[in-house]
Amino acid sequence: MQFCDGVGVAHLLNATLVLPKFEVAAYWNESSDFADIFEADYFIQHMDGFVKVVKELPPEISSKEPFHVDCSKRKGQFDYVESVLPALLEHKYISLTPAMSQRRDRYPRFAKAALCQACYSALRLTRSLQKKAAELLEAIPKPFLSLHLRFEPDMVAYSQCEYQGLSPTSMQAIEAARGDRKPWTGEVAHIWRRRGKCPLTPNETALILQALSIPTNTNIYLAAGDGLMEIEGLTSVYTNVVTKSALRTGEDFTRMHGNTKAALDYYVSINSDSYMATYFGNMDKMVAAMRAFKGLYKTLFLSRKAFAEFTYQGLEGKELMQALWKVHRDDFLMGRGSALPDCFCEFEL
């Protein structure tokens, strides 16, 4: 998502785009680069006419450090033209911190066209990665639900939420990942949770799936990282849960890094019979948009906010299940998910 935004900004500023360097994440054993995930030449070819893209800069430029511009607060076209363009013209070579919340509706149509071309036409997995993903998809029992469940230590630590009843192993992993991010306490913690800021646990996820009358023998592909905690809360209820690590155990798979494994989840999720997510992160936005683009509308985002509000009110048992069904009912029956309109690009010929 951030890269697609970067393409739109590059077109907006009439700038040459350098293929990005991925952030190194030690927790996920991450060291992959753009060309490890996507076909670089294919991307450059399909962006021709929208944005000029290069793999590397010439030595006389690359030997210098780029001038860094923080775009975390930028929202639309004039923010970039007025404050970023002057830095680009002065320094010739800049790097951007992606905006956390882009207002793509404020982009002019030509910038939107570049962004959409990048997201939906120009980004293609490498042939070797696509082959692995296709083999993984073939191995999953059909029909199946792809469930993107986010309850890894770093995710929980980042949320600054506290949970009761977790295993000592999970608590230790969360504490190790917290760093300076201490959990909220007291009334602030209640407000934070009721705003929907706390990731759903596997047990809470299973409860919502039951409220939606998802049969407990449903084939579920777990699109999640290797560090997922408390998974027994889901698998004790839904017994046909499969993971990529269980289906693909070869040496080639074990050498894969975080981004390449996430690419497998992405491929499987956009080709699944249905898709549900417990969070609304970048992958969920891209999966939902691509599924809609392909005409696969069975997509649903589970409401963390509703779950927190109902449990705060003291609802439990049948009363809680009925409340969860009502809050998800319209999106579930439509099979689209309320968050999808934010992910669409508009095309006009």
Protein backbone atom coordinates (compact mmCIF):
# COMPACT_ATOMS: atom_id res chain seq x y z
CA MET A 1 0.00 0.00 0.00
CA GLN A 2 2.78 2.44 0.88
CA PHE A 3 4.60 1.62 -2.33
CA CYS A 4 1.46 2.22 -4.40
CA ASP A 5 1.07 5.57 -2.63
CA GLY A 6 4.69 6.32 -3.49
CA VAL A 7 3.99 5.70 -7.16
CA GLY A 8 1.12 8.20 -7.03
CA VAL A 9 3.35 10.78 -5.33
CA ALA A 10 6.16 10.24 -7.85
CA HIS A 11 3.74 10.88 -10.71
CA LEU A 12 2.32 13.89 -8.90
CA LEU A 13 5.83 15.39 -8.58
CA ASN A 14 7.00 14.27 -12.05
CA ALA A 15 9.84 12.40 -10.36
CA THR A 16 11.76 9.26 -11.28
CA LEU A 17 10.99 6.42 -8.87
CA VAL A 18 13.74 4.14 -7.56
CA LEU A 19 12.62 0.63 -6.66
CA PRO A 20 12.32 0.67 -2.87
CA LYS A 21 14.37 -1.01 -0.21
CA PHE A 22 12.30 -3.01 2.24
CA GLU A 23 12.70 -2.34 5.94
CA VAL A 24 14.78 -4.95 7.73
CA ALA A 25 12.72 -6.63 10.45
CA ALA A 26 14.78 -8.84 12.74
CA TYR A 27 11.69 -10.29 14.43
CA TRP A 28 10.43 -11.76 11.15
CA ASN A 29 13.88 -12.90 10.01
CA GLU A 30 13.47 -10.41 7.18
CA SER A 31 16.09 -9.66 4.55
CA SER A 32 14.17 -9.83 1.26
CA ASP A 33 14.15 -7.04 -1.30
CA PHE A 34 11.72 -5.83 -3.97
CA ALA A 35 13.05 -8.19 -6.65
CA ASP A 36 12.70 -11.14 -4.25
CA ILE A 37 8.94 -10.57 -4.20
CA PHE A 38 7.96 -8.86 -7.44
CA GLU A 39 9.03 -9.04 -11.08
CA ALA A 40 11.07 -5.84 -11.32
CA ASP A 41 11.30 -5.73 -15.12
CA TYR A 42 7.59 -6.44 -15.47
CA PHE A 43 6.80 -3.58 -13.09
CA ILE A 44 9.06 -1.12 -14.90
CA GLN A 45 7.58 -2.10 -18.28
CA HIS A 46 3.98 -1.73 -17.13
CA MET A 47 4.60 1.64 -15.48
CA ASP A 48 5.95 3.06 -18.74
CA GLY A 49 3.91 6.14 -19.58
CA PHE A 50 2.88 6.64 -15.94
CA VAL A 51 6.11 6.92 -13.95
CA LYS A 52 9.72 6.44 -14.94
CA VAL A 53 11.13 3.67 -12.74
CA VAL A 54 14.77 2.66 -12.32
CA LYS A 55 16.31 -0.22 -10.38
CA GLU A 56 19.29 1.78 -9.19
CA LEU A 57 20.63 5.30 -9.36
CA PRO A 58 23.84 6.21 -11.21
CA PRO A 59 26.96 6.21 -8.96
CA GLU A 60 27.30 10.00 -8.88
CA ILE A 61 23.86 10.21 -7.20
CA SER A 62 23.73 6.95 -5.23
CA SER A 63 27.00 7.79 -3.48
CA LYS A 64 25.16 10.58 -1.65
CA GLU A 65 22.64 10.17 1.11
CA PRO A 66 19.14 11.18 -0.01
CA PHE A 67 17.50 14.19 1.62
CA HIS A 68 14.86 12.74 3.91
CA VAL A 69 11.33 14.17 3.84
CA ASP A 70 8.79 13.13 6.47
CA CYS A 71 5.43 12.68 4.75
CA SER A 72 3.65 11.09 7.69
CA LYS A 73 1.32 14.09 7.97
CA ARG A 74 0.79 14.70 4.26
CA LYS A 75 -2.76 14.16 3.06
CA GLY A 76 -3.26 15.31 -0.50
CA GLN A 77 -2.00 16.90 -3.70
CA PHE A 78 -1.14 20.38 -2.44
CA ASP A 79 0.70 19.10 0.63
CA TYR A 80 3.19 17.43 -1.70
CA VAL A 81 3.39 20.20 -4.30
CA GLU A 82 3.90 22.94 -1.71
CA SER A 83 6.23 21.23 0.74
CA VAL A 84 7.83 18.19 -0.91
CA LEU A 85 8.41 19.40 -4.46
CA PRO A 86 10.75 22.26 -3.40
CA ALA A 87 12.96 19.74 -1.55
CA LEU A 88 13.04 17.49 -4.63
CA LEU A 89 14.01 20.38 -6.92
CA GLU A 90 16.73 21.54 -4.52
CA HIS A 91 18.30 18.21 -3.56
CA LYS A 92 17.46 16.17 -6.70
CA TYR A 93 17.36 12.94 -4.64
CA ILE A 94 14.94 12.51 -1.73
CA SER A 95 13.52 9.66 0.32
CA LEU A 96 10.04 9.71 1.79
CA THR A 97 8.56 8.45 5.02
CA PRO A 98 5.17 7.16 3.83
CA ALA A 99 2.05 8.93 5.01
CA MET A 100 0.13 6.94 7.59
CA SER A 101 -3.26 8.05 6.27
CA GLN A 102 -3.39 9.06 2.64
CA ARG A 103 -6.33 10.98 1.19
CA ARG A 104 -6.31 9.48 -2.29
CA ASP A 105 -9.58 11.26 -3.07
CA ARG A 106 -7.52 14.46 -3.03
CA TYR A 107 -5.17 13.19 -5.72
CA PRO A 108 -5.74 14.51 -9.25
CA ARG A 109 -6.95 11.85 -11.67
CA PHE A 110 -3.57 11.37 -13.37
CA ALA A 111 -1.92 10.54 -10.01
CA LYS A 112 -4.75 8.14 -9.15
CA ALA A 113 -4.25 6.44 -12.52
CA ALA A 114 -0.56 5.83 -11.76
CA LEU A 115 -1.36 4.49 -8.29
CA CYS A 116 -4.03 2.13 -9.66
CA GLN A 117 -1.81 0.95 -12.49
CA ALA A 118 0.87 0.05 -9.96
CA CYS A 119 -1.48 -1.75 -7.55
CA TYR A 120 -3.61 -3.73 -9.98
CA SER A 121 -1.60 -4.19 -13.15
CA ALA A 122 2.12 -3.71 -12.64
CA LEU A 123 2.83 -5.62 -9.42
CA ARG A 124 3.30 -9.33 -10.14
CA LEU A 125 4.95 -11.93 -7.94
CA THR A 126 8.17 -13.47 -9.24
CA ARG A 127 7.66 -16.66 -11.23
CA SER A 128 9.30 -18.83 -8.59
CA LEU A 129 7.22 -17.30 -5.80
CA GLN A 130 4.03 -17.54 -7.84
CA LYS A 131 4.77 -21.21 -8.48
CA LYS A 132 5.21 -21.87 -4.75
CA ALA A 133 1.99 -19.97 -4.01
CA ALA A 134 0.04 -21.92 -6.63
CA GLU A 135 1.32 -25.21 -5.17
CA LEU A 136 0.26 -24.08 -1.71
CA LEU A 137 -3.20 -23.11 -2.98
CA GLU A 138 -3.56 -26.51 -4.64
CA ALA A 139 -2.70 -28.29 -1.36
CA ILE A 140 -5.43 -26.56 0.68
CA PRO A 141 -8.67 -28.60 1.08
CA LYS A 142 -11.54 -26.98 -0.84
CA PRO A 143 -13.71 -25.03 -0.38
CA PHE A 144 -11.93 -22.95 2.23
CA LEU A 145 -11.96 -19.73 4.18
CA SER A 146 -8.74 -17.71 4.38
CA LEU A 147 -8.49 -16.11 7.82
CA HIS A 148 -5.97 -13.35 8.42
CA LEU A 149 -5.46 -13.56 12.17
CA ARG A 150 -3.17 -11.00 13.81
CA PHE A 151 -2.11 -12.00 17.30
CA GLU A 152 1.68 -12.03 17.16
CA PRO A 153 3.83 -10.63 20.00
CA ASP A 154 4.92 -7.52 18.10
CA MET A 155 1.33 -6.79 17.04
CA VAL A 156 0.05 -7.02 20.62
CA ALA A 157 3.00 -4.99 21.92
CA TYR A 158 2.41 -2.28 19.31
CA SER A 159 -1.29 -2.07 20.24
CA GLN A 160 -0.38 -1.27 23.89
CA CYS A 161 -3.23 -3.53 25.04
CA GLU A 162 -3.22 -5.90 27.97
CA TYR A 163 -4.87 -9.33 27.98
CA GLN A 164 -5.95 -11.58 30.81
CA GLY A 165 -5.55 -15.35 30.83
CA LEU A 166 -2.71 -15.68 28.32
CA SER A 167 -0.14 -18.42 28.77
CA PRO A 168 3.20 -17.56 30.45
CA THR A 169 4.95 -18.20 27.12
CA SER A 170 2.74 -15.66 25.34
CA MET A 171 3.18 -13.09 28.11
CA GLN A 172 6.96 -13.44 27.97
CA ALA A 173 6.96 -13.03 24.18
CA ILE A 174 4.82 -9.90 24.42
CA GLU A 175 7.01 -8.36 27.13
CA ALA A 176 10.12 -9.05 25.04
CA ALA A 177 8.53 -7.23 22.09
CA ARG A 178 7.20 -4.22 24.02
CA GLY A 179 10.36 -2.16 24.35
CA ASP A 180 9.29 1.35 25.38
CA ARG A 181 5.63 0.74 24.46
CA LYS A 182 4.06 0.14 27.84
CA PRO A 183 0.44 -1.04 27.93
CA TRP A 184 -2.35 1.39 28.80
CA THR A 185 -3.86 0.97 32.24
CA GLY A 186 -7.00 2.02 34.11
CA GLU A 187 -9.74 3.97 32.34
CA VAL A 188 -7.47 4.82 29.41
CA ALA A 189 -7.10 1.08 28.71
CA HIS A 190 -10.90 0.67 28.63
CA ILE A 191 -11.33 3.62 26.26
CA TRP A 192 -8.53 2.34 24.02
CA ARG A 193 -10.07 -1.13 23.80
CA ARG A 194 -13.59 0.22 23.13
CA ARG A 195 -12.18 2.20 20.22
CA GLY A 196 -11.27 -1.12 18.61
CA LYS A 197 -7.52 -0.74 19.02
CA CYS A 198 -6.87 -4.20 20.49
CA PRO A 199 -6.27 -7.23 18.22
CA LEU A 200 -8.75 -10.07 18.55
CA THR A 201 -7.39 -13.20 20.21
CA PRO A 202 -7.84 -16.57 18.47
CA ASN A 203 -10.46 -17.44 21.10
CA GLU A 204 -12.40 -14.22 20.46
CA THR A 205 -12.14 -14.84 16.73
CA ALA A 206 -13.60 -18.33 17.11
CA LEU A 207 -16.49 -16.86 19.11
CA ILE A 208 -17.33 -14.36 16.35
CA LEU A 209 -17.13 -17.07 13.68
CA GLN A 210 -19.60 -19.14 15.70
CA ALA A 211 -21.87 -16.11 16.05
CA LEU A 212 -21.88 -15.92 12.25
CA SER A 213 -22.87 -19.61 12.12
CA ILE A 214 -19.64 -20.61 10.37
CA PRO A 215 -19.64 -24.44 10.72
CA THR A 216 -16.89 -25.75 13.00
CA ASN A 217 -15.80 -28.23 10.31
CA THR A 218 -15.05 -25.43 7.82
CA ASN A 219 -11.69 -25.66 6.07
CA ILE A 220 -9.72 -22.64 7.29
CA TYR A 221 -6.38 -21.50 5.89
CA LEU A 222 -4.59 -19.47 8.53
CA ALA A 223 -2.92 -16.50 6.83
CA ALA A 224 -0.65 -15.49 9.69
CA GLY A 225 2.96 -15.14 10.75
CA ASP A 226 4.95 -17.90 12.40
CA GLY A 227 4.77 -16.17 15.79
CA LEU A 228 0.99 -16.44 16.21
CA MET A 229 0.07 -16.93 19.88
CA GLU A 230 -2.77 -18.76 21.65
CA ILE A 231 -3.79 -20.55 18.45
CA GLU A 232 -5.44 -23.32 20.51
CA GLY A 233 -8.28 -20.88 21.20
CA LEU A 234 -9.24 -21.24 17.53
CA THR A 235 -8.20 -24.80 16.73
CA SER A 236 -10.01 -26.25 19.75
CA VAL A 237 -13.27 -25.08 18.14
CA TYR A 238 -12.46 -25.13 14.42
CA THR A 239 -10.65 -28.40 13.85
CA ASN A 240 -9.88 -28.13 10.11
CA VAL A 241 -7.33 -25.34 10.33
CA VAL A 242 -4.28 -25.55 8.06
CA THR A 243 -1.15 -23.40 7.85
CA LYS A 244 1.47 -22.90 5.17
CA SER A 245 4.17 -24.33 7.43
CA ALA A 246 2.17 -27.56 7.81
CA LEU A 247 1.44 -27.86 4.09
CA ARG A 248 4.87 -26.82 2.79
CA THR A 249 7.70 -28.34 4.82
CA GLY A 250 10.50 -28.54 2.26
CA GLU A 251 13.90 -26.97 2.73
CA ASP A 252 13.09 -24.33 0.13
CA PHE A 253 10.12 -23.16 2.21
CA THR A 254 12.03 -23.08 5.49
CA ARG A 255 14.56 -20.68 3.93
CA MET A 256 11.85 -18.17 3.03
CA HIS A 257 11.70 -14.85 4.89
CA GLY A 258 8.82 -12.80 6.30
CA ASN A 259 7.88 -10.88 3.14
CA THR A 260 8.09 -13.92 0.87
CA LYS A 261 5.91 -15.92 3.26
CA ALA A 262 3.46 -13.01 3.44
CA ALA A 263 3.34 -13.06 -0.37
CA LEU A 264 2.13 -16.68 -0.19
CA ASP A 265 -0.64 -15.62 2.20
CA TYR A 266 -1.57 -12.76 -0.13
CA TYR A 267 -1.80 -15.03 -3.18
CA VAL A 268 -3.88 -17.65 -1.34
CA SER A 269 -6.17 -15.01 0.19
CA ILE A 270 -7.05 -13.29 -3.07
CA ASN A 271 -7.89 -16.71 -4.55
CA SER A 272 -9.78 -18.17 -1.58
CA ASP A 273 -13.49 -18.96 -1.58
CA SER A 274 -13.96 -16.41 1.19
CA TYR A 275 -11.72 -14.11 3.21
CA MET A 276 -12.03 -12.80 6.75
CA ALA A 277 -9.65 -10.58 8.67
CA THR A 278 -9.40 -9.68 12.34
CA TYR A 279 -7.55 -6.46 11.55
CA PHE A 280 -7.59 -3.85 8.79
CA GLY A 281 -3.94 -3.47 7.92
CA ASN A 282 -2.19 -2.93 4.61
CA MET A 283 -2.43 -6.57 3.54
CA ASP A 284 -6.14 -6.67 4.33
CA LYS A 285 -6.77 -3.53 2.29
CA MET A 286 -4.87 -4.93 -0.69
CA VAL A 287 -6.49 -8.37 -0.47
CA ALA A 288 -9.98 -6.90 -0.16
CA ALA A 289 -9.43 -4.52 -3.06
CA MET A 290 -7.94 -7.21 -5.28
CA ARG A 291 -10.74 -9.64 -4.47
CA ALA A 292 -13.28 -6.96 -5.39
CA PHE A 293 -11.30 -6.20 -8.55
CA LYS A 294 -11.53 -9.89 -9.47
CA GLY A 295 -15.23 -10.11 -8.59
CA LEU A 296 -14.70 -12.19 -5.41
CA TYR A 297 -16.94 -10.43 -2.93
CA LYS A 298 -17.02 -12.88 0.00
CA THR A 299 -14.85 -10.64 2.16
CA LEU A 300 -15.49 -9.62 5.75
CA PHE A 301 -13.63 -7.67 8.45
CA LEU A 302 -14.45 -8.74 11.98
CA SER A 303 -15.26 -5.82 14.28
CA ARG A 304 -12.84 -5.43 17.17
CA LYS A 305 -14.69 -2.34 18.30
CA ALA A 306 -18.07 -4.08 18.51
CA PHE A 307 -16.61 -7.04 20.38
CA ALA A 308 -14.93 -4.75 22.92
CA GLU A 309 -18.10 -2.69 23.40
CA PHE A 310 -20.34 -5.72 23.92
CA THR A 311 -18.01 -7.36 26.42
CA TYR A 312 -17.58 -4.01 28.22
CA GLN A 313 -21.37 -3.93 28.57
CA GLY A 314 -21.20 -7.36 30.18
CA LEU A 315 -22.87 -9.30 27.38
CA GLU A 316 -22.09 -13.01 27.34
CA GLY A 317 -23.40 -16.34 26.08
CA LYS A 318 -26.37 -16.26 23.71
CA GLU A 319 -26.89 -12.53 24.20
CA LEU A 320 -23.32 -11.79 23.09
CA MET A 321 -23.61 -14.13 20.10
CA GLN A 322 -26.81 -12.42 18.93
CA ALA A 323 -25.26 -8.97 19.28
CA LEU A 324 -22.19 -10.04 17.29
CA TRP A 325 -24.41 -11.48 14.56
CA LYS A 326 -26.44 -8.26 14.28
CA VAL A 327 -23.39 -6.01 13.99
CA HIS A 328 -21.86 -8.17 11.21
CA ARG A 329 -25.11 -9.24 9.54
CA ASP A 330 -25.37 -6.72 6.70
CA ASP A 331 -21.71 -7.04 5.67
CA PHE A 332 -21.84 -10.83 6.04
CA LEU A 333 -24.96 -11.21 3.91
CA MET A 334 -23.62 -8.82 1.28
CA GLY A 335 -20.35 -10.70 1.27
CA ARG A 336 -18.36 -7.51 0.68
CA GLY A 337 -17.30 -5.91 3.95
CA SER A 338 -17.94 -2.33 4.99
CA ALA A 339 -14.31 -1.24 4.55
CA LEU A 340 -14.09 -2.12 0.86
CA PRO A 341 -15.08 1.26 -0.65
CA ASP A 342 -11.89 2.79 0.80
CA CYS A 343 -9.86 0.32 -1.23
CA PHE A 344 -11.39 0.88 -4.65
CA CYS A 345 -9.75 2.71 -7.51
CA GLU A 346 -11.98 4.30 -10.13
CA PHE A 347 -11.21 3.69 -13.78
CA GLU A 348 -12.56 5.85 -16.60
CA LEU A 349 -11.87 5.06 -20.23
